[in-house]
Amino acid sequence: IGRDDARHTLVIFSDFECGECAILHKESNIFGLAQLFPDSLRVLFRHYPVCRACNKHVDRDFHFYACDAALAAEAARQLGDREATFRYWRLLYQNRERFDENPYAYLAKEASLNVSDFEEARRSDAVRRRVEADIDLAHSLGVEGTPTLFLDGRRLMNWRVGPGGPAGQDVKKATLRLWQTLLRDDETQIPRD
């Protein structure tokens, strides 16, 4: 997401079964940030399923279906335009409690992707290699869980102000101010509502 020549690059290692990742990817968070800081922020998404089925760097399965979801997400990326890809990813996060039902083809149809092309891509070596490359990159950077974020090469330990944040502050506005500070963007106005 964002312009290739943006001043800042945010790399996110994510897992589609991860609850915190789902919070991070809601439209009001990362998608909203990219729209709020269009000249300042470029966001790159990378896979880090915390599942031994495809990730040799984890010692136990935290998310049993995360590898399947990562392959499905990557297949959608390879087939769809940017909007279709993000639509599919949103559907994955919204349906992460249903991964045991293998909903990936159904969700592809909901995202307006060609289902037979999607299924072929999901089983392809190219998709598997891309997920494996993301996992290996994450491991080389010391990623152990998700979400893990790097802003301009620096690992971010705090990417949002949680419910236990400053008393009396709106959490969403406080999080936007945090990002404004991280991006050193004094020109973007934080919405008042």
N, C-alpha and C. Protein backbone atom coordinates (compact mmCIF):
# COMPACT_ATOMS: atom_id res chain seq x y z
N ILE A 1 0.86 -1.16 0.00
CA ILE A 1 0.00 0.00 0.00
C ILE A 1 0.90 1.22 0.00
N GLY A 2 0.53 2.24 -0.75
CA GLY A 2 1.26 3.49 -0.73
C GLY A 2 2.20 3.65 -1.92
N ARG A 3 2.77 4.82 -1.98
CA ARG A 3 3.65 5.17 -3.09
C ARG A 3 5.03 4.55 -2.91
N ASP A 4 5.63 4.15 -4.01
CA ASP A 4 6.97 3.57 -3.96
C ASP A 4 8.00 4.56 -3.45
N ASP A 5 7.76 5.85 -3.65
CA ASP A 5 8.73 6.86 -3.23
C ASP A 5 8.35 7.52 -1.89
N ALA A 6 7.49 6.86 -1.12
CA ALA A 6 7.12 7.41 0.20
C ALA A 6 8.36 7.54 1.08
N ARG A 7 8.33 8.49 2.01
CA ARG A 7 9.49 8.74 2.88
C ARG A 7 9.76 7.59 3.83
N HIS A 8 8.71 6.87 4.23
CA HIS A 8 8.85 5.80 5.22
C HIS A 8 8.29 4.49 4.68
N THR A 9 8.95 3.40 5.05
CA THR A 9 8.49 2.06 4.67
C THR A 9 8.20 1.27 5.93
N LEU A 10 7.00 0.74 6.00
CA LEU A 10 6.58 -0.11 7.11
C LEU A 10 6.44 -1.53 6.58
N VAL A 11 7.19 -2.47 7.18
CA VAL A 11 7.10 -3.88 6.81
C VAL A 11 6.38 -4.59 7.95
N ILE A 12 5.34 -5.33 7.60
CA ILE A 12 4.53 -6.04 8.60
C ILE A 12 4.59 -7.53 8.34
N PHE A 13 5.02 -8.28 9.35
CA PHE A 13 4.97 -9.74 9.31
C PHE A 13 3.71 -10.15 10.05
N SER A 14 2.87 -10.90 9.34
CA SER A 14 1.53 -11.16 9.86
C SER A 14 1.13 -12.61 9.68
N ASP A 15 0.08 -13.00 10.40
CA ASP A 15 -0.47 -14.35 10.40
C ASP A 15 -1.99 -14.17 10.39
N PHE A 16 -2.68 -14.78 9.45
CA PHE A 16 -4.11 -14.54 9.29
C PHE A 16 -4.97 -15.15 10.39
N GLU A 17 -4.39 -15.97 11.25
CA GLU A 17 -5.14 -16.50 12.38
C GLU A 17 -4.90 -15.70 13.65
N CYS A 18 -4.03 -14.74 13.59
CA CYS A 18 -3.61 -13.94 14.75
C CYS A 18 -4.62 -12.83 15.05
N GLY A 19 -5.13 -12.79 16.27
CA GLY A 19 -6.10 -11.77 16.67
C GLY A 19 -5.54 -10.36 16.64
N GLU A 20 -4.31 -10.17 17.12
CA GLU A 20 -3.69 -8.84 17.08
C GLU A 20 -3.44 -8.39 15.65
N CYS A 21 -3.10 -9.35 14.78
CA CYS A 21 -2.91 -9.02 13.36
C CYS A 21 -4.23 -8.54 12.75
N ALA A 22 -5.32 -9.19 13.14
CA ALA A 22 -6.64 -8.77 12.63
C ALA A 22 -6.95 -7.34 13.06
N ILE A 23 -6.61 -7.00 14.30
CA ILE A 23 -6.81 -5.63 14.77
C ILE A 23 -5.95 -4.66 13.96
N LEU A 24 -4.70 -5.04 13.75
CA LEU A 24 -3.78 -4.19 13.00
C LEU A 24 -4.27 -3.94 11.58
N HIS A 25 -4.86 -4.93 10.95
CA HIS A 25 -5.24 -4.81 9.55
C HIS A 25 -6.64 -4.28 9.32
N LYS A 26 -7.39 -4.03 10.37
CA LYS A 26 -8.71 -3.44 10.15
C LYS A 26 -8.55 -2.12 9.41
N GLU A 27 -9.54 -1.80 8.64
CA GLU A 27 -9.45 -0.61 7.80
C GLU A 27 -9.11 0.64 8.60
N SER A 28 -9.55 0.71 9.81
CA SER A 28 -9.29 1.91 10.61
C SER A 28 -7.84 1.97 11.10
N ASN A 29 -7.08 0.91 10.91
CA ASN A 29 -5.69 0.92 11.34
C ASN A 29 -4.76 1.05 10.15
N ILE A 30 -4.16 -0.04 9.68
CA ILE A 30 -3.16 0.07 8.63
C ILE A 30 -3.71 0.65 7.34
N PHE A 31 -4.86 0.18 6.88
CA PHE A 31 -5.42 0.73 5.65
C PHE A 31 -5.74 2.21 5.85
N GLY A 32 -6.26 2.54 7.00
CA GLY A 32 -6.55 3.94 7.30
C GLY A 32 -5.29 4.78 7.40
N LEU A 33 -4.25 4.23 8.00
CA LEU A 33 -2.98 4.97 8.11
C LEU A 33 -2.39 5.27 6.74
N ALA A 34 -2.43 4.29 5.86
CA ALA A 34 -1.88 4.50 4.53
C ALA A 34 -2.64 5.60 3.79
N GLN A 35 -3.94 5.69 4.03
CA GLN A 35 -4.73 6.75 3.41
C GLN A 35 -4.49 8.09 4.09
N LEU A 36 -4.27 8.07 5.40
CA LEU A 36 -4.05 9.31 6.13
C LEU A 36 -2.68 9.92 5.85
N PHE A 37 -1.69 9.06 5.59
CA PHE A 37 -0.33 9.51 5.32
C PHE A 37 0.11 9.06 3.92
N PRO A 38 -0.59 9.48 2.87
CA PRO A 38 -0.33 8.93 1.53
C PRO A 38 1.06 9.25 0.98
N ASP A 39 1.63 10.37 1.33
CA ASP A 39 2.96 10.72 0.84
C ASP A 39 4.07 10.22 1.75
N SER A 40 3.72 9.87 2.97
CA SER A 40 4.73 9.52 3.96
C SER A 40 4.93 8.03 4.16
N LEU A 41 3.92 7.22 3.85
CA LEU A 41 3.97 5.83 4.28
C LEU A 41 3.72 4.84 3.15
N ARG A 42 4.62 3.90 3.03
CA ARG A 42 4.47 2.74 2.15
C ARG A 42 4.45 1.52 3.05
N VAL A 43 3.48 0.63 2.85
CA VAL A 43 3.32 -0.54 3.71
C VAL A 43 3.53 -1.81 2.87
N LEU A 44 4.40 -2.68 3.37
CA LEU A 44 4.66 -3.97 2.73
C LEU A 44 4.21 -5.07 3.67
N PHE A 45 3.43 -6.00 3.16
CA PHE A 45 2.93 -7.11 3.95
C PHE A 45 3.76 -8.36 3.67
N ARG A 46 4.11 -9.06 4.73
CA ARG A 46 4.88 -10.30 4.62
C ARG A 46 4.22 -11.36 5.49
N HIS A 47 4.36 -12.61 5.05
CA HIS A 47 3.76 -13.73 5.76
C HIS A 47 4.69 -14.26 6.85
N TYR A 48 4.12 -14.55 7.99
CA TYR A 48 4.83 -15.29 9.04
C TYR A 48 3.80 -16.14 9.79
N PRO A 49 3.31 -17.21 9.14
CA PRO A 49 2.35 -18.08 9.81
C PRO A 49 3.03 -18.81 10.97
N VAL A 50 2.43 -18.75 12.13
CA VAL A 50 3.00 -19.39 13.31
C VAL A 50 2.43 -20.82 13.37
N CYS A 51 2.92 -21.63 12.43
CA CYS A 51 2.42 -22.98 12.22
C CYS A 51 3.55 -23.82 11.62
N ARG A 52 3.78 -24.98 12.20
CA ARG A 52 4.89 -25.83 11.74
C ARG A 52 4.66 -26.46 10.37
N ALA A 53 3.45 -26.41 9.86
CA ALA A 53 3.19 -27.01 8.55
C ALA A 53 4.02 -26.36 7.44
N CYS A 54 4.36 -25.09 7.60
CA CYS A 54 5.18 -24.40 6.60
C CYS A 54 6.30 -23.58 7.21
N ASN A 55 6.30 -23.41 8.52
CA ASN A 55 7.29 -22.56 9.18
C ASN A 55 8.18 -23.42 10.08
N LYS A 56 9.36 -23.73 9.58
CA LYS A 56 10.29 -24.58 10.32
C LYS A 56 10.93 -23.87 11.51
N HIS A 57 10.67 -22.58 11.65
CA HIS A 57 11.30 -21.79 12.71
C HIS A 57 10.46 -21.69 13.99
N VAL A 58 9.29 -22.29 13.99
CA VAL A 58 8.47 -22.29 15.21
C VAL A 58 8.53 -23.67 15.84
N ASP A 59 8.50 -23.72 17.16
CA ASP A 59 8.65 -25.00 17.84
C ASP A 59 7.32 -25.67 18.16
N ARG A 60 6.22 -24.94 17.97
CA ARG A 60 4.91 -25.55 18.17
C ARG A 60 3.88 -24.75 17.38
N ASP A 61 2.74 -25.38 17.15
CA ASP A 61 1.68 -24.72 16.38
C ASP A 61 0.86 -23.82 17.30
N PHE A 62 0.89 -22.54 17.01
CA PHE A 62 0.00 -21.60 17.70
C PHE A 62 -1.29 -21.46 16.91
N HIS A 63 -1.15 -21.54 15.59
CA HIS A 63 -2.28 -21.40 14.68
C HIS A 63 -2.24 -22.55 13.68
N PHE A 64 -3.15 -23.49 13.82
CA PHE A 64 -3.12 -24.71 13.03
C PHE A 64 -3.37 -24.51 11.54
N TYR A 65 -4.09 -23.46 11.17
CA TYR A 65 -4.47 -23.26 9.77
C TYR A 65 -3.76 -22.05 9.14
N ALA A 66 -2.78 -21.49 9.83
CA ALA A 66 -2.13 -20.27 9.35
C ALA A 66 -1.39 -20.48 8.04
N CYS A 67 -0.79 -21.64 7.83
CA CYS A 67 -0.09 -21.89 6.56
C CYS A 67 -1.07 -21.94 5.40
N ASP A 68 -2.18 -22.63 5.59
CA ASP A 68 -3.21 -22.67 4.54
C ASP A 68 -3.71 -21.27 4.22
N ALA A 69 -3.92 -20.47 5.24
CA ALA A 69 -4.41 -19.10 5.03
C ALA A 69 -3.36 -18.25 4.31
N ALA A 70 -2.09 -18.42 4.66
CA ALA A 70 -1.02 -17.66 4.00
C ALA A 70 -0.95 -18.03 2.52
N LEU A 71 -1.05 -19.31 2.20
CA LEU A 71 -1.05 -19.74 0.80
C LEU A 71 -2.25 -19.17 0.05
N ALA A 72 -3.39 -19.16 0.69
CA ALA A 72 -4.59 -18.59 0.07
C ALA A 72 -4.42 -17.08 -0.16
N ALA A 73 -3.89 -16.39 0.83
CA ALA A 73 -3.68 -14.94 0.70
C ALA A 73 -2.70 -14.63 -0.42
N GLU A 74 -1.66 -15.41 -0.51
CA GLU A 74 -0.66 -15.18 -1.56
C GLU A 74 -1.23 -15.52 -2.94
N ALA A 75 -2.05 -16.55 -3.02
CA ALA A 75 -2.70 -16.87 -4.29
C ALA A 75 -3.60 -15.71 -4.73
N ALA A 76 -4.32 -15.13 -3.79
CA ALA A 76 -5.17 -13.98 -4.11
C ALA A 76 -4.33 -12.81 -4.60
N ARG A 77 -3.18 -12.60 -3.95
CA ARG A 77 -2.30 -11.50 -4.37
C ARG A 77 -1.81 -11.72 -5.79
N GLN A 78 -1.47 -12.95 -6.12
CA GLN A 78 -0.94 -13.22 -7.46
C GLN A 78 -2.00 -13.10 -8.54
N LEU A 79 -3.26 -13.34 -8.18
CA LEU A 79 -4.33 -13.32 -9.18
C LEU A 79 -5.04 -11.99 -9.31
N GLY A 80 -5.23 -11.33 -8.20
CA GLY A 80 -6.10 -10.16 -8.20
C GLY A 80 -5.36 -8.86 -8.31
N ASP A 81 -6.13 -7.83 -8.59
CA ASP A 81 -5.55 -6.50 -8.50
C ASP A 81 -5.46 -6.15 -7.02
N ARG A 82 -4.93 -5.01 -6.73
CA ARG A 82 -4.70 -4.62 -5.33
C ARG A 82 -5.99 -4.62 -4.51
N GLU A 83 -7.05 -4.08 -5.07
CA GLU A 83 -8.31 -4.01 -4.33
C GLU A 83 -8.88 -5.40 -4.05
N ALA A 84 -8.83 -6.29 -5.05
CA ALA A 84 -9.32 -7.65 -4.85
C ALA A 84 -8.48 -8.38 -3.81
N THR A 85 -7.18 -8.14 -3.85
CA THR A 85 -6.28 -8.77 -2.87
C THR A 85 -6.64 -8.31 -1.47
N PHE A 86 -6.78 -7.02 -1.26
CA PHE A 86 -7.10 -6.51 0.08
C PHE A 86 -8.49 -6.95 0.53
N ARG A 87 -9.40 -7.02 -0.42
CA ARG A 87 -10.74 -7.52 -0.09
C ARG A 87 -10.65 -8.96 0.41
N TYR A 88 -9.85 -9.77 -0.27
CA TYR A 88 -9.68 -11.16 0.14
C TYR A 88 -9.01 -11.24 1.51
N TRP A 89 -7.97 -10.44 1.73
CA TRP A 89 -7.28 -10.46 3.03
C TRP A 89 -8.22 -10.05 4.16
N ARG A 90 -9.05 -9.04 3.92
CA ARG A 90 -10.03 -8.64 4.94
C ARG A 90 -10.98 -9.79 5.25
N LEU A 91 -11.41 -10.49 4.19
CA LEU A 91 -12.31 -11.64 4.40
C LEU A 91 -11.61 -12.74 5.20
N LEU A 92 -10.33 -12.95 4.95
CA LEU A 92 -9.58 -13.93 5.74
C LEU A 92 -9.60 -13.55 7.22
N TYR A 93 -9.28 -12.31 7.52
CA TYR A 93 -9.27 -11.89 8.94
C TYR A 93 -10.66 -11.99 9.55
N GLN A 94 -11.67 -11.63 8.80
CA GLN A 94 -13.04 -11.68 9.33
C GLN A 94 -13.51 -13.11 9.55
N ASN A 95 -12.93 -14.06 8.84
CA ASN A 95 -13.37 -15.46 8.90
C ASN A 95 -12.33 -16.38 9.52
N ARG A 96 -11.39 -15.84 10.26
CA ARG A 96 -10.30 -16.66 10.80
C ARG A 96 -10.79 -17.74 11.76
N GLU A 97 -11.93 -17.57 12.33
CA GLU A 97 -12.49 -18.60 13.22
C GLU A 97 -13.08 -19.77 12.44
N ARG A 98 -13.17 -19.62 11.11
CA ARG A 98 -13.75 -20.67 10.25
C ARG A 98 -12.70 -21.41 9.42
N PHE A 99 -11.43 -21.19 9.66
CA PHE A 99 -10.40 -21.81 8.83
C PHE A 99 -10.47 -23.33 8.86
N ASP A 100 -10.97 -23.91 9.94
CA ASP A 100 -11.11 -25.37 9.99
C ASP A 100 -12.10 -25.88 8.95
N GLU A 101 -12.94 -25.01 8.41
CA GLU A 101 -13.92 -25.38 7.38
C GLU A 101 -13.35 -25.26 5.97
N ASN A 102 -12.08 -24.84 5.86
CA ASN A 102 -11.42 -24.67 4.56
C ASN A 102 -12.23 -23.71 3.66
N PRO A 103 -12.45 -22.47 4.10
CA PRO A 103 -13.34 -21.55 3.36
C PRO A 103 -12.66 -20.77 2.23
N TYR A 104 -11.46 -21.14 1.87
CA TYR A 104 -10.64 -20.29 1.01
C TYR A 104 -11.23 -20.07 -0.38
N ALA A 105 -11.75 -21.12 -1.02
CA ALA A 105 -12.35 -20.96 -2.35
C ALA A 105 -13.63 -20.12 -2.26
N TYR A 106 -14.44 -20.37 -1.23
CA TYR A 106 -15.66 -19.58 -1.04
C TYR A 106 -15.31 -18.10 -0.87
N LEU A 107 -14.28 -17.82 -0.08
CA LEU A 107 -13.88 -16.43 0.14
C LEU A 107 -13.32 -15.81 -1.14
N ALA A 108 -12.65 -16.62 -1.96
CA ALA A 108 -12.15 -16.12 -3.25
C ALA A 108 -13.31 -15.67 -4.12
N LYS A 109 -14.38 -16.46 -4.12
CA LYS A 109 -15.57 -16.08 -4.88
C LYS A 109 -16.16 -14.78 -4.33
N GLU A 110 -16.23 -14.67 -3.01
CA GLU A 110 -16.74 -13.44 -2.38
C GLU A 110 -15.89 -12.22 -2.73
N ALA A 111 -14.59 -12.44 -2.96
CA ALA A 111 -13.68 -11.34 -3.30
C ALA A 111 -13.61 -11.09 -4.80
N SER A 112 -14.48 -11.77 -5.56
CA SER A 112 -14.56 -11.63 -7.01
C SER A 112 -13.31 -12.13 -7.73
N LEU A 113 -12.69 -13.17 -7.19
CA LEU A 113 -11.57 -13.82 -7.85
C LEU A 113 -12.09 -15.04 -8.60
N ASN A 114 -11.45 -15.41 -9.69
CA ASN A 114 -11.79 -16.62 -10.42
C ASN A 114 -11.39 -17.81 -9.55
N VAL A 115 -12.35 -18.62 -9.13
CA VAL A 115 -12.11 -19.68 -8.15
C VAL A 115 -11.18 -20.76 -8.69
N SER A 116 -11.35 -21.19 -9.94
CA SER A 116 -10.47 -22.26 -10.45
C SER A 116 -9.03 -21.76 -10.59
N ASP A 117 -8.85 -20.51 -11.04
CA ASP A 117 -7.50 -19.93 -11.10
C ASP A 117 -6.91 -19.78 -9.70
N PHE A 118 -7.76 -19.39 -8.76
CA PHE A 118 -7.32 -19.25 -7.37
C PHE A 118 -6.84 -20.58 -6.81
N GLU A 119 -7.61 -21.64 -7.02
CA GLU A 119 -7.24 -22.96 -6.50
C GLU A 119 -5.93 -23.45 -7.13
N GLU A 120 -5.76 -23.19 -8.41
CA GLU A 120 -4.52 -23.59 -9.08
C GLU A 120 -3.34 -22.81 -8.50
N ALA A 121 -3.51 -21.51 -8.31
CA ALA A 121 -2.43 -20.68 -7.74
C ALA A 121 -2.11 -21.11 -6.31
N ARG A 122 -3.14 -21.42 -5.55
CA ARG A 122 -2.94 -21.80 -4.14
C ARG A 122 -2.08 -23.05 -4.01
N ARG A 123 -2.16 -23.94 -4.98
CA ARG A 123 -1.37 -25.18 -4.96
C ARG A 123 -0.02 -25.03 -5.67
N SER A 124 0.26 -23.86 -6.21
CA SER A 124 1.46 -23.70 -7.04
C SER A 124 2.74 -23.57 -6.21
N ASP A 125 3.83 -23.93 -6.86
CA ASP A 125 5.15 -23.79 -6.24
C ASP A 125 5.50 -22.32 -6.04
N ALA A 126 5.07 -21.47 -6.96
CA ALA A 126 5.39 -20.04 -6.85
C ALA A 126 4.81 -19.43 -5.58
N VAL A 127 3.57 -19.80 -5.26
CA VAL A 127 2.94 -19.30 -4.04
C VAL A 127 3.65 -19.85 -2.82
N ARG A 128 3.95 -21.12 -2.83
CA ARG A 128 4.64 -21.73 -1.69
C ARG A 128 6.02 -21.09 -1.48
N ARG A 129 6.74 -20.87 -2.59
CA ARG A 129 8.08 -20.25 -2.48
C ARG A 129 7.99 -18.84 -1.91
N ARG A 130 6.97 -18.09 -2.30
CA ARG A 130 6.83 -16.72 -1.80
C ARG A 130 6.59 -16.72 -0.29
N VAL A 131 5.72 -17.60 0.19
CA VAL A 131 5.45 -17.69 1.63
C VAL A 131 6.72 -18.13 2.36
N GLU A 132 7.42 -19.11 1.82
CA GLU A 132 8.67 -19.57 2.44
C GLU A 132 9.72 -18.48 2.48
N ALA A 133 9.82 -17.68 1.42
CA ALA A 133 10.79 -16.58 1.39
C ALA A 133 10.47 -15.55 2.48
N ASP A 134 9.18 -15.25 2.66
CA ASP A 134 8.79 -14.31 3.72
C ASP A 134 9.15 -14.86 5.09
N ILE A 135 8.91 -16.16 5.29
CA ILE A 135 9.22 -16.79 6.58
C ILE A 135 10.72 -16.74 6.84
N ASP A 136 11.52 -17.05 5.83
CA ASP A 136 12.98 -17.02 6.00
C ASP A 136 13.48 -15.60 6.27
N LEU A 137 12.92 -14.61 5.58
CA LEU A 137 13.28 -13.22 5.84
C LEU A 137 12.94 -12.85 7.28
N ALA A 138 11.75 -13.21 7.71
CA ALA A 138 11.34 -12.91 9.08
C ALA A 138 12.30 -13.54 10.08
N HIS A 139 12.64 -14.79 9.86
CA HIS A 139 13.57 -15.47 10.77
C HIS A 139 14.92 -14.77 10.81
N SER A 140 15.41 -14.34 9.65
CA SER A 140 16.70 -13.64 9.61
C SER A 140 16.68 -12.32 10.37
N LEU A 141 15.47 -11.75 10.52
CA LEU A 141 15.32 -10.48 11.24
C LEU A 141 14.97 -10.69 12.71
N GLY A 142 14.87 -11.93 13.15
CA GLY A 142 14.57 -12.22 14.55
C GLY A 142 13.10 -12.24 14.89
N VAL A 143 12.23 -12.32 13.90
CA VAL A 143 10.80 -12.37 14.15
C VAL A 143 10.45 -13.72 14.78
N GLU A 144 9.68 -13.66 15.85
CA GLU A 144 9.26 -14.89 16.53
C GLU A 144 7.74 -14.99 16.65
N GLY A 145 7.04 -13.89 16.47
CA GLY A 145 5.59 -13.88 16.59
C GLY A 145 5.01 -12.79 15.72
N THR A 146 3.69 -12.68 15.80
CA THR A 146 3.00 -11.70 14.96
C THR A 146 2.02 -10.90 15.79
N PRO A 147 1.71 -9.70 15.36
CA PRO A 147 2.34 -8.98 14.27
C PRO A 147 3.70 -8.45 14.70
N THR A 148 4.62 -8.41 13.78
CA THR A 148 5.92 -7.77 13.99
C THR A 148 6.08 -6.72 12.91
N LEU A 149 6.41 -5.50 13.33
CA LEU A 149 6.49 -4.38 12.41
C LEU A 149 7.89 -3.78 12.44
N PHE A 150 8.35 -3.38 11.25
CA PHE A 150 9.61 -2.67 11.10
C PHE A 150 9.31 -1.37 10.35
N LEU A 151 9.68 -0.25 10.94
CA LEU A 151 9.53 1.05 10.28
C LEU A 151 10.92 1.53 9.92
N ASP A 152 11.16 1.66 8.63
CA ASP A 152 12.46 2.10 8.13
C ASP A 152 13.61 1.27 8.71
N GLY A 153 13.36 -0.03 8.82
CA GLY A 153 14.39 -0.94 9.29
C GLY A 153 14.47 -1.11 10.79
N ARG A 154 13.74 -0.30 11.55
CA ARG A 154 13.74 -0.41 13.02
C ARG A 154 12.50 -1.17 13.46
N ARG A 155 12.71 -2.10 14.37
CA ARG A 155 11.58 -2.87 14.88
C ARG A 155 10.75 -2.01 15.81
N LEU A 156 9.44 -2.00 15.59
CA LEU A 156 8.52 -1.25 16.45
C LEU A 156 8.00 -2.17 17.54
N MET A 157 8.13 -1.75 18.76
CA MET A 157 7.60 -2.55 19.86
C MET A 157 6.16 -2.16 20.17
N ASN A 158 5.80 -0.91 19.92
CA ASN A 158 4.45 -0.42 20.17
C ASN A 158 3.93 0.24 18.90
N TRP A 159 2.81 -0.28 18.38
CA TRP A 159 2.24 0.28 17.16
C TRP A 159 0.86 0.87 17.39
N ARG A 160 0.36 0.73 18.61
CA ARG A 160 -0.94 1.33 18.91
C ARG A 160 -1.02 1.64 20.40
N VAL A 161 -1.91 2.55 20.72
CA VAL A 161 -2.20 2.86 22.12
C VAL A 161 -3.37 1.98 22.50
N GLY A 162 -3.18 1.12 23.46
CA GLY A 162 -4.21 0.17 23.85
C GLY A 162 -5.22 0.76 24.80
N PRO A 163 -6.19 -0.06 25.19
CA PRO A 163 -7.24 0.39 26.10
C PRO A 163 -6.68 0.92 27.42
N GLY A 164 -5.49 0.49 27.80
CA GLY A 164 -4.88 0.97 29.04
C GLY A 164 -4.05 2.22 28.84
N GLY A 165 -4.25 2.89 27.70
CA GLY A 165 -3.47 4.09 27.36
C GLY A 165 -3.85 5.27 28.23
N PRO A 166 -3.41 6.46 27.82
CA PRO A 166 -3.64 7.67 28.60
C PRO A 166 -5.12 7.86 28.96
N ALA A 167 -5.36 8.11 30.21
CA ALA A 167 -6.73 8.28 30.71
C ALA A 167 -7.42 9.43 29.99
N GLY A 168 -8.65 9.20 29.61
CA GLY A 168 -9.44 10.26 29.00
C GLY A 168 -9.18 10.46 27.52
N GLN A 169 -8.21 9.76 26.95
CA GLN A 169 -7.93 9.93 25.53
C GLN A 169 -8.67 8.89 24.71
N ASP A 170 -9.13 9.31 23.57
CA ASP A 170 -9.71 8.39 22.62
C ASP A 170 -8.57 7.52 22.08
N VAL A 171 -8.71 6.21 22.17
CA VAL A 171 -7.65 5.28 21.79
C VAL A 171 -7.27 5.43 20.32
N LYS A 172 -8.26 5.56 19.46
CA LYS A 172 -7.97 5.69 18.03
C LYS A 172 -7.19 6.97 17.74
N LYS A 173 -7.61 8.08 18.33
CA LYS A 173 -6.89 9.34 18.12
C LYS A 173 -5.49 9.28 18.69
N ALA A 174 -5.35 8.66 19.85
CA ALA A 174 -4.02 8.54 20.46
C ALA A 174 -3.11 7.68 19.59
N THR A 175 -3.65 6.63 18.99
CA THR A 175 -2.86 5.79 18.11
C THR A 175 -2.46 6.56 16.86
N LEU A 176 -3.36 7.36 16.30
CA LEU A 176 -3.02 8.18 15.14
C LEU A 176 -1.93 9.19 15.48
N ARG A 177 -2.00 9.77 16.67
CA ARG A 177 -0.94 10.70 17.08
C ARG A 177 0.40 9.97 17.23
N LEU A 178 0.37 8.75 17.74
CA LEU A 178 1.59 7.95 17.83
C LEU A 178 2.19 7.76 16.44
N TRP A 179 1.36 7.40 15.46
CA TRP A 179 1.86 7.21 14.11
C TRP A 179 2.34 8.53 13.50
N GLN A 180 1.67 9.59 13.81
CA GLN A 180 2.10 10.90 13.32
C GLN A 180 3.50 11.21 13.84
N THR A 181 3.75 10.88 15.09
CA THR A 181 5.08 11.08 15.68
C THR A 181 6.10 10.14 15.05
N LEU A 182 5.73 8.87 14.89
CA LEU A 182 6.65 7.91 14.29
C LEU A 182 7.05 8.31 12.88
N LEU A 183 6.10 8.87 12.14
CA LEU A 183 6.35 9.26 10.76
C LEU A 183 6.86 10.69 10.65
N ARG A 184 6.97 11.36 11.79
CA ARG A 184 7.43 12.76 11.83
C ARG A 184 6.66 13.60 10.82
N ASP A 185 5.36 13.44 10.83
CA ASP A 185 4.49 14.11 9.87
C ASP A 185 3.65 15.15 10.60
N ASP A 186 4.10 16.38 10.59
CA ASP A 186 3.41 17.44 11.29
C ASP A 186 2.29 18.07 10.45
N GLU A 187 2.23 17.72 9.17
CA GLU A 187 1.26 18.36 8.29
C GLU A 187 -0.09 17.64 8.26
N THR A 188 -0.10 16.35 8.60
CA THR A 188 -1.35 15.59 8.58
C THR A 188 -2.19 15.95 9.79
N GLN A 189 -3.43 16.29 9.55
CA GLN A 189 -4.34 16.64 10.63
C GLN A 189 -5.07 15.40 11.11
N ILE A 190 -5.01 15.15 12.40
CA ILE A 190 -5.73 14.03 12.99
C ILE A 190 -7.20 14.39 13.02
N PRO A 191 -8.07 13.49 12.53
CA PRO A 191 -9.52 13.79 12.52
C PRO A 191 -10.02 14.11 13.93
N ARG A 192 -10.93 15.05 14.02
CA ARG A 192 -11.46 15.47 15.32
C ARG A 192 -12.52 14.53 15.85
N ASP A 193 -13.24 13.83 14.99
CA ASP A 193 -14.34 12.97 15.49
C ASP A 193 -13.87 11.59 15.87
